[in-house]
């Protein structure tokens, strides 16, 4: 499992701090894209208030994953607090950020963002206010990679029902359970082939993928005037699951960042164990159009979404089905984390929990104060590596 986390830099009042370049300079002595330490790397994202933390090597052991990435969080937190009196905030969107309160990375590799800016409006929440948790899963051969890609497309249509954590943005309750994905679906609408329908189309071979997915959006981008920087690059693909041929892995992108590393590990174990079961049972994914429709319903209504899978069940029932598969196929170490996913299925995803707690607190105080109170608790969850329940 290869994790990539995204966190906002915030002060004690929850204000987003667009200072990632300054943090990197103060930590390493110069502004670079990334700072590599022995076990992990941290560095820039497109947004100047968001920092990425990723593992230097993938983890076989969930426990090693948790210990290493929590160590990364604690290392950064100690530096941020001492130098800036600042902290880190997880979840899928900063709840109070206004778009004029942050900026785009303007240093090395800025040409990438300049090329995006030729075609897309970067000043929107789908670019400047999203935080996702990416999970890289390896494959050994093309046949296995193709199977994993198609099964992940199937699984990821329902995964946001348990991974959503973005109920609030610009100081108000959003219309969707997963507002990050709602914005993400539309952030590249000018060239629809880049994102597709988020749920990836099923494929039969790497060659088909390169021609019909990467080739198509590259041609569309070229016609729109984008330069070579973005053409025929696998990482430009913005679907919810993409191939990273450079690392022989599939990257899952549909999950909102969670409140703590332990919860990210739990989702990773859930996906890996469920995939193991689906592969062993040679399950065939559902029709692509059905998955798209169910995914859109899940983005809007989370676990309570009415979906077509399982003969018209709720997303909660579908997630319970996948959970049962995961339990039956989990390793002993993976099984120790699955209780977190079960609790999400039974009691609500993080987005639903946050929304409910903010609304309760807002009955007794100002809405913004309620938001700050709940998200301050979430900041502590990340620091302490404790799930929010």
Protein backbone atom coordinates (compact mmCIF):
# COMPACT_ATOMS: atom_id res chain seq x y z
CA UNK A 1 0.00 0.00 0.00
CA UNK A 2 1.43 3.35 -1.07
CA UNK A 3 -0.32 6.23 0.75
CA UNK A 4 -0.40 9.91 -0.18
CA UNK A 5 -2.05 12.31 2.30
CA UNK A 6 -3.08 15.95 1.93
CA UNK A 7 -3.51 18.33 4.88
CA UNK A 8 -4.29 22.03 5.28
CA UNK A 9 -1.97 24.28 7.25
CA UNK A 10 -4.12 26.20 9.74
CA UNK A 11 -3.77 28.48 12.74
CA UNK A 12 -5.68 28.18 16.02
CA UNK A 13 -8.66 30.05 14.56
CA UNK A 14 -8.80 27.53 11.69
CA UNK A 15 -7.60 30.09 9.15
CA UNK A 16 -5.84 28.51 6.18
CA UNK A 17 -2.17 29.49 5.95
CA UNK A 18 -0.80 29.69 2.36
CA UNK A 19 2.81 29.24 3.50
CA UNK A 20 3.89 25.83 2.21
CA UNK A 21 6.80 27.35 0.28
CA UNK A 22 7.99 29.16 3.40
CA UNK A 23 7.68 25.98 5.49
CA UNK A 24 9.77 24.03 3.00
CA UNK A 25 12.39 26.79 2.90
CA UNK A 26 12.59 27.03 6.68
CA UNK A 27 12.81 23.25 7.04
CA UNK A 28 15.35 22.49 4.30
CA UNK A 29 17.07 25.82 3.63
CA UNK A 30 15.65 26.32 0.14
CA UNK A 31 12.37 26.19 -1.75
CA UNK A 32 11.99 22.79 -3.40
CA UNK A 33 8.96 20.79 -4.47
CA UNK A 34 9.53 18.09 -1.87
CA UNK A 35 11.68 17.35 1.16
CA UNK A 36 12.73 13.70 1.41
CA UNK A 37 13.43 12.29 4.85
CA UNK A 38 14.45 8.65 5.53
CA UNK A 39 10.93 7.16 5.73
CA UNK A 40 8.65 9.77 4.17
CA UNK A 41 8.53 12.82 1.93
CA UNK A 42 6.54 16.01 2.35
CA UNK A 43 6.02 18.92 0.04
CA UNK A 44 3.81 21.06 -2.12
CA UNK A 45 0.44 20.62 -3.74
CA UNK A 46 -1.23 22.98 -6.20
CA UNK A 47 -2.73 24.98 -3.31
CA UNK A 48 -0.25 26.95 -1.24
CA UNK A 49 -2.05 26.10 2.01
CA UNK A 50 -2.03 22.31 1.42
CA UNK A 51 0.88 20.00 2.13
CA UNK A 52 1.29 16.45 0.84
CA UNK A 53 2.89 13.69 2.90
CA UNK A 54 3.74 10.41 1.21
CA UNK A 55 5.66 7.26 1.99
CA UNK A 56 9.07 6.69 0.40
CA UNK A 57 8.30 2.99 -0.01
CA UNK A 58 4.98 1.12 -0.11
CA UNK A 59 3.89 -0.84 2.95
CA UNK A 60 2.96 -4.49 3.12
CA UNK A 61 2.09 -4.14 6.81
CA UNK A 62 -0.80 -1.88 7.87
CA UNK A 63 0.89 -1.38 11.25
CA UNK A 64 4.10 -0.17 9.59
CA UNK A 65 1.95 2.14 7.44
CA UNK A 66 0.29 3.62 10.52
CA UNK A 67 3.48 4.03 12.54
CA UNK A 68 5.49 5.58 9.71
CA UNK A 69 2.87 8.04 8.50
CA UNK A 70 1.87 9.06 12.00
CA UNK A 71 5.55 9.69 12.65
CA UNK A 72 5.51 11.94 9.56
CA UNK A 73 2.50 13.86 10.88
CA UNK A 74 4.13 14.31 14.29
CA UNK A 75 7.41 15.49 12.74
CA UNK A 76 5.65 18.15 10.73
CA UNK A 77 3.36 19.18 13.57
CA UNK A 78 6.30 19.74 15.91
CA UNK A 79 8.01 21.97 13.34
CA UNK A 80 4.84 23.88 12.42
CA UNK A 81 3.88 24.57 16.00
CA UNK A 82 7.32 25.74 17.06
CA UNK A 83 7.89 27.94 14.01
CA UNK A 84 4.40 29.23 13.12
CA UNK A 85 2.08 28.19 15.95
CA UNK A 86 0.24 26.26 13.25
CA UNK A 87 -1.30 22.82 12.87
CA UNK A 88 -2.55 20.34 10.28
CA UNK A 89 -6.18 19.68 9.35
CA UNK A 90 -7.39 16.63 7.48
CA UNK A 91 -10.85 16.04 5.90
CA UNK A 92 -11.82 16.60 2.26
CA UNK A 93 -12.26 20.39 2.20
CA UNK A 94 -11.31 23.31 4.40
CA UNK A 95 -14.69 24.37 5.86
CA UNK A 96 -14.10 28.16 5.98
CA UNK A 97 -11.66 28.89 3.15
CA UNK A 98 -12.61 31.59 0.65
CA UNK A 99 -10.97 31.18 -2.72
CA UNK A 100 -9.12 34.47 -2.46
CA UNK A 101 -7.44 33.30 0.77
CA UNK A 102 -5.04 30.90 -0.92
CA UNK A 103 -2.78 30.83 -3.96
CA UNK A 104 -1.30 28.42 -6.47
CA UNK A 105 2.27 27.12 -6.07
CA UNK A 106 4.49 29.52 -8.03
CA UNK A 107 7.95 27.96 -7.82
CA UNK A 108 9.64 25.06 -9.57
CA UNK A 109 7.24 23.04 -11.75
CA UNK A 110 4.84 25.99 -11.85
CA UNK A 111 4.72 25.47 -15.62
CA UNK A 112 2.44 22.49 -15.00
CA UNK A 113 -0.12 24.72 -13.30
CA UNK A 114 0.37 27.44 -15.91
CA UNK A 115 -0.51 24.93 -18.62
CA UNK A 116 -3.61 23.83 -16.69
CA UNK A 117 -4.54 27.49 -16.30
CA UNK A 118 -4.60 27.97 -20.07
CA UNK A 119 -7.72 25.81 -20.30
CA UNK A 120 -9.20 25.41 -16.83
CA UNK A 121 -10.36 27.91 -14.24
CA UNK A 122 -8.12 27.10 -11.29
CA UNK A 123 -9.91 29.58 -9.01
CA UNK A 124 -12.63 27.19 -7.91
CA UNK A 125 -13.09 24.75 -5.09
CA UNK A 126 -12.40 21.76 -7.35
CA UNK A 127 -8.80 22.97 -7.62
CA UNK A 128 -8.06 25.22 -4.63
CA UNK A 129 -10.06 23.55 -1.87
CA UNK A 130 -9.87 19.79 -2.12
CA UNK A 131 -7.92 17.29 -0.04
CA UNK A 132 -7.93 13.64 -0.99
CA UNK A 133 -6.28 10.51 0.25
CA UNK A 134 -4.60 8.59 -2.58
CA UNK A 135 -3.85 4.89 -2.25
CA UNK A 136 -1.42 3.14 -4.62
CA UNK A 137 -1.88 -0.60 -5.07
CA UNK A 138 0.67 -2.64 -7.07
CA UNK A 139 0.14 -5.11 -9.87
CA UNK A 140 2.65 -7.62 -11.23
CA UNK A 141 1.41 -8.35 -14.75
CA UNK A 142 -0.83 -6.68 -17.32
CA UNK A 143 -3.61 -9.24 -16.90
CA UNK A 144 -3.76 -8.62 -13.15
CA UNK A 145 -3.50 -4.86 -13.61
CA UNK A 146 -6.46 -4.82 -15.98
CA UNK A 147 -8.56 -6.93 -13.60
CA UNK A 148 -7.67 -4.70 -10.64
CA UNK A 149 -8.48 -1.56 -12.63
CA UNK A 150 -11.94 -2.80 -13.54
CA UNK A 151 -12.72 -4.11 -10.05
CA UNK A 152 -11.53 -0.87 -8.45
CA UNK A 153 -13.88 1.03 -10.74
CA UNK A 154 -16.68 -1.15 -9.40
CA UNK A 155 -15.67 -0.73 -5.76
CA UNK A 156 -14.98 3.00 -6.04
CA UNK A 157 -18.50 3.77 -7.20
CA UNK A 158 -19.58 3.08 -3.59
CA UNK A 159 -16.43 3.86 -1.60
CA UNK A 160 -17.31 7.55 -1.00
CA UNK A 161 -20.28 6.37 1.04
CA UNK A 162 -17.81 5.45 3.81
CA UNK A 163 -14.96 7.85 2.96
CA UNK A 164 -16.74 11.22 2.53
CA UNK A 165 -15.51 13.92 4.92
CA UNK A 166 -16.42 17.20 3.21
CA UNK A 167 -19.83 18.43 4.41
CA UNK A 168 -18.96 22.15 4.76
CA UNK A 169 -17.25 24.76 2.60
CA UNK A 170 -17.15 28.58 2.69
CA UNK A 171 -18.71 28.44 6.15
CA UNK A 172 -21.95 26.71 5.11
CA UNK A 173 -23.36 23.20 4.85
CA UNK A 174 -22.94 22.00 1.27
CA UNK A 175 -25.70 20.33 -0.78
CA UNK A 176 -23.88 16.98 -0.97
CA UNK A 177 -22.47 14.49 1.50
CA UNK A 178 -19.21 14.46 -0.50
CA UNK A 179 -18.82 18.04 -1.67
CA UNK A 180 -15.18 17.52 -2.64
CA UNK A 181 -16.12 14.95 -5.25
CA UNK A 182 -19.04 17.08 -6.39
CA UNK A 183 -16.59 19.88 -7.27
CA UNK A 184 -13.99 17.42 -8.54
CA UNK A 185 -16.40 16.00 -11.14
CA UNK A 186 -16.68 19.43 -12.78
CA UNK A 187 -13.30 21.08 -12.30
CA UNK A 188 -12.12 20.11 -15.80
CA UNK A 189 -15.45 20.37 -17.59
CA UNK A 190 -13.81 22.31 -20.43
CA UNK A 191 -12.09 19.06 -21.55
CA UNK A 192 -14.45 16.29 -20.36
CA UNK A 193 -12.17 13.46 -21.49
CA UNK A 194 -9.65 14.30 -18.73
CA UNK A 195 -11.97 13.31 -15.88
CA UNK A 196 -14.49 11.22 -17.76
CA UNK A 197 -17.31 10.28 -15.41
CA UNK A 198 -14.78 9.78 -12.57
CA UNK A 199 -15.62 6.06 -12.47
CA UNK A 200 -13.13 4.65 -15.01
CA UNK A 201 -14.29 2.88 -18.12
CA UNK A 202 -13.59 -0.88 -18.15
CA UNK A 203 -10.63 -1.85 -20.30
CA UNK A 204 -9.22 -5.01 -21.89
CA UNK A 205 -5.54 -4.08 -22.21
CA UNK A 206 -2.88 -1.49 -21.45
CA UNK A 207 -2.73 -0.64 -25.14
CA UNK A 208 -6.45 0.18 -25.19
CA UNK A 209 -6.03 2.35 -22.09
CA UNK A 210 -3.13 4.24 -23.59
CA UNK A 211 -4.95 4.85 -26.85
CA UNK A 212 -8.54 5.47 -25.73
CA UNK A 213 -7.98 7.21 -22.39
CA UNK A 214 -4.54 8.85 -22.33
CA UNK A 215 -4.48 9.37 -26.09
CA UNK A 216 -7.91 10.91 -26.24
CA UNK A 217 -7.47 13.50 -23.49
CA UNK A 218 -4.01 14.33 -24.79
CA UNK A 219 -5.40 15.09 -28.24
CA UNK A 220 -8.21 17.14 -26.72
CA UNK A 221 -5.76 19.13 -24.59
CA UNK A 222 -3.49 19.74 -27.58
CA UNK A 223 -6.42 21.07 -29.61
CA UNK A 224 -7.18 23.46 -26.73
CA UNK A 225 -3.66 24.86 -26.90
CA UNK A 226 -1.98 23.03 -24.01
CA UNK A 227 1.74 22.37 -24.44
CA UNK A 228 3.76 19.16 -24.17
CA UNK A 229 3.99 19.42 -20.37
CA UNK A 230 0.57 17.77 -19.97
CA UNK A 231 0.36 15.66 -23.12
CA UNK A 232 0.50 11.87 -22.98
CA UNK A 233 1.12 11.93 -19.22
CA UNK A 234 -0.63 9.19 -17.24
CA UNK A 235 -0.97 11.39 -14.12
CA UNK A 236 -3.08 13.96 -16.00
CA UNK A 237 -5.90 11.41 -16.06
CA UNK A 238 -8.31 12.61 -13.37
CA UNK A 239 -10.56 9.58 -13.07
CA UNK A 240 -11.09 8.07 -9.65
CA UNK A 241 -8.73 5.20 -10.46
CA UNK A 242 -5.71 5.63 -12.74
CA UNK A 243 -2.73 3.59 -13.84
CA UNK A 244 0.69 4.75 -12.68
CA UNK A 245 2.79 2.77 -15.13
CA UNK A 246 5.93 4.44 -13.77
CA UNK A 247 5.44 2.58 -10.48
CA UNK A 248 3.44 -0.49 -11.67
CA UNK A 249 0.52 0.58 -9.52
CA UNK A 250 -3.08 1.69 -9.62
CA UNK A 251 -3.86 4.92 -7.79
CA UNK A 252 -7.25 5.28 -6.07
CA UNK A 253 -8.39 8.92 -5.85
CA UNK A 254 -12.04 8.90 -4.79
CA UNK A 255 -11.46 9.04 -1.03
CA UNK A 256 -11.64 12.27 0.95
CA UNK A 257 -8.72 12.66 3.34
CA UNK A 258 -9.81 11.34 6.73
CA UNK A 259 -9.36 12.78 10.21
CA UNK A 260 -6.34 10.69 11.19
CA UNK A 261 -3.83 8.25 9.79
CA UNK A 262 -5.47 5.29 11.52
CA UNK A 263 -8.69 5.93 9.59
CA UNK A 264 -6.79 6.14 6.29
CA UNK A 265 -5.15 2.82 7.12
CA UNK A 266 -8.58 1.32 7.85
CA UNK A 267 -9.92 2.38 4.44
CA UNK A 268 -6.80 0.96 2.80
CA UNK A 269 -7.23 -2.40 4.55
CA UNK A 270 -10.90 -2.43 3.57
CA UNK A 271 -10.06 -1.85 -0.11
CA UNK A 272 -7.19 -4.34 -0.20
CA UNK A 273 -9.12 -7.13 1.54
CA UNK A 274 -12.29 -6.55 -0.51
CA UNK A 275 -10.26 -6.60 -3.74
CA UNK A 276 -8.63 -9.85 -2.68
CA UNK A 277 -12.05 -11.41 -2.30
CA UNK A 278 -13.46 -10.00 -5.53
CA UNK A 279 -10.42 -11.29 -7.43
CA UNK A 280 -10.58 -14.76 -5.92
CA UNK A 281 -14.29 -15.02 -6.68
CA UNK A 282 -13.71 -13.69 -10.22
CA UNK A 283 -16.51 -11.17 -9.75
CA UNK A 284 -17.53 -9.29 -12.89
CA UNK A 285 -18.03 -5.53 -12.43
CA UNK A 286 -21.46 -4.06 -13.06
CA UNK A 287 -22.25 -2.12 -16.29
CA UNK A 288 -20.34 1.15 -16.43
CA UNK A 289 -23.40 3.37 -16.79
CA UNK A 290 -25.02 1.80 -13.72
CA UNK A 291 -21.86 2.44 -11.71
CA UNK A 292 -21.81 6.09 -12.82
CA UNK A 293 -25.40 6.58 -11.73
CA UNK A 294 -24.81 4.90 -8.38
CA UNK A 295 -21.62 6.91 -7.82
CA UNK A 296 -23.44 10.20 -8.45
CA UNK A 297 -26.16 9.15 -6.00
CA UNK A 298 -23.52 8.29 -3.37
CA UNK A 299 -21.78 11.66 -3.79
CA UNK A 300 -25.09 13.37 -3.10
CA UNK A 301 -26.55 11.21 -0.34
CA UNK A 302 -23.76 9.08 1.09
CA UNK A 303 -24.74 5.88 2.87
CA UNK A 304 -28.42 6.69 2.50
CA UNK A 305 -28.24 6.91 -1.30
CA UNK A 306 -30.64 4.72 -3.21
CA UNK A 307 -28.60 2.73 -5.71
CA UNK A 308 -29.36 0.14 -8.36
CA UNK A 309 -26.83 -2.40 -7.11
CA UNK A 310 -28.21 -5.40 -5.20
CA UNK A 311 -31.62 -4.90 -6.78
CA UNK A 312 -32.16 -1.34 -5.59
CA UNK A 313 -30.54 -1.28 -2.17
CA UNK A 314 -29.09 1.60 -0.19
CA UNK A 315 -25.41 2.44 -0.44
CA UNK A 316 -25.14 1.33 3.20
CA UNK A 317 -26.26 -2.19 2.23
CA UNK A 318 -23.80 -2.29 -0.67
CA UNK A 319 -20.96 -1.18 1.61
CA UNK A 320 -21.97 -3.83 4.14
CA UNK A 321 -21.76 -6.40 1.33
CA UNK A 322 -18.22 -5.27 0.46
CA UNK A 323 -17.35 -5.22 4.16
CA UNK A 324 -18.41 -8.86 4.50
CA UNK A 325 -16.17 -9.74 1.56
CA UNK A 326 -13.30 -7.81 3.19
CA UNK A 327 -13.74 -9.56 6.55
CA UNK A 328 -13.66 -12.97 4.86
CA UNK A 329 -10.44 -12.12 3.02
CA UNK A 330 -8.54 -9.89 5.45
CA UNK A 331 -5.19 -10.78 6.92
CA UNK A 332 -4.92 -10.87 10.70
CA UNK A 333 -3.33 -7.42 10.71
CA UNK A 334 -5.87 -5.92 8.29
CA UNK A 335 -8.76 -7.27 10.36
CA UNK A 336 -7.65 -5.20 13.36
CA UNK A 337 -8.48 -1.98 11.47
CA UNK A 338 -11.80 -2.94 9.88
CA UNK A 339 -13.84 -1.98 12.96
CA UNK A 340 -13.43 1.65 11.94
CA UNK A 341 -15.04 1.01 8.55
CA UNK A 342 -17.83 -1.00 10.20
CA UNK A 343 -18.52 1.89 12.57
CA UNK A 344 -18.71 4.27 9.60
CA UNK A 345 -21.20 1.99 7.86
CA UNK A 346 -23.35 1.65 10.97
CA UNK A 347 -23.16 5.19 12.37
CA UNK A 348 -22.35 7.41 9.39
CA UNK A 349 -19.32 8.50 7.42
CA UNK A 350 -17.14 11.32 8.70
CA UNK A 351 -18.99 13.91 6.62
CA UNK A 352 -22.31 12.92 8.16
CA UNK A 353 -20.85 12.91 11.67
CA UNK A 354 -19.29 16.36 11.23
CA UNK A 355 -22.46 17.84 9.78
CA UNK A 356 -24.58 16.47 12.62
CA UNK A 357 -22.23 17.73 15.33
CA UNK A 358 -21.89 21.20 13.79
CA UNK A 359 -25.66 21.56 13.52
CA UNK A 360 -26.09 20.49 17.16
CA UNK A 361 -23.51 22.99 18.38
CA UNK A 362 -24.96 25.73 16.16
CA UNK A 363 -28.21 25.50 18.14
CA UNK A 364 -26.33 26.91 21.13
CA UNK A 365 -23.80 29.24 19.45
CA UNK A 366 -22.82 31.03 16.25
CA UNK A 367 -22.51 28.69 13.23
CA UNK A 368 -18.90 29.65 12.55
CA UNK A 369 -18.01 29.04 16.20
CA UNK A 370 -19.65 25.63 15.91
CA UNK A 371 -17.54 24.85 12.84
CA UNK A 372 -14.34 25.97 14.57
CA UNK A 373 -15.19 23.90 17.64
CA UNK A 374 -15.81 20.67 15.68
CA UNK A 375 -12.83 21.09 13.37
CA UNK A 376 -10.56 21.90 16.30
CA UNK A 377 -11.47 18.48 17.62
CA UNK A 378 -10.62 17.04 14.19
CA UNK A 379 -7.19 18.71 14.33
CA UNK A 380 -6.62 16.96 17.65
CA UNK A 381 -7.76 13.66 16.11
CA UNK A 382 -4.99 13.97 13.54
CA UNK A 383 -2.42 14.89 16.16
CA UNK A 384 -3.44 12.06 18.49
CA UNK A 385 -4.17 9.57 15.69
CA UNK A 386 -7.65 8.86 17.04
CA UNK A 387 -10.79 8.39 14.92
CA UNK A 388 -13.60 10.89 15.30
CA UNK A 389 -16.65 9.22 16.85
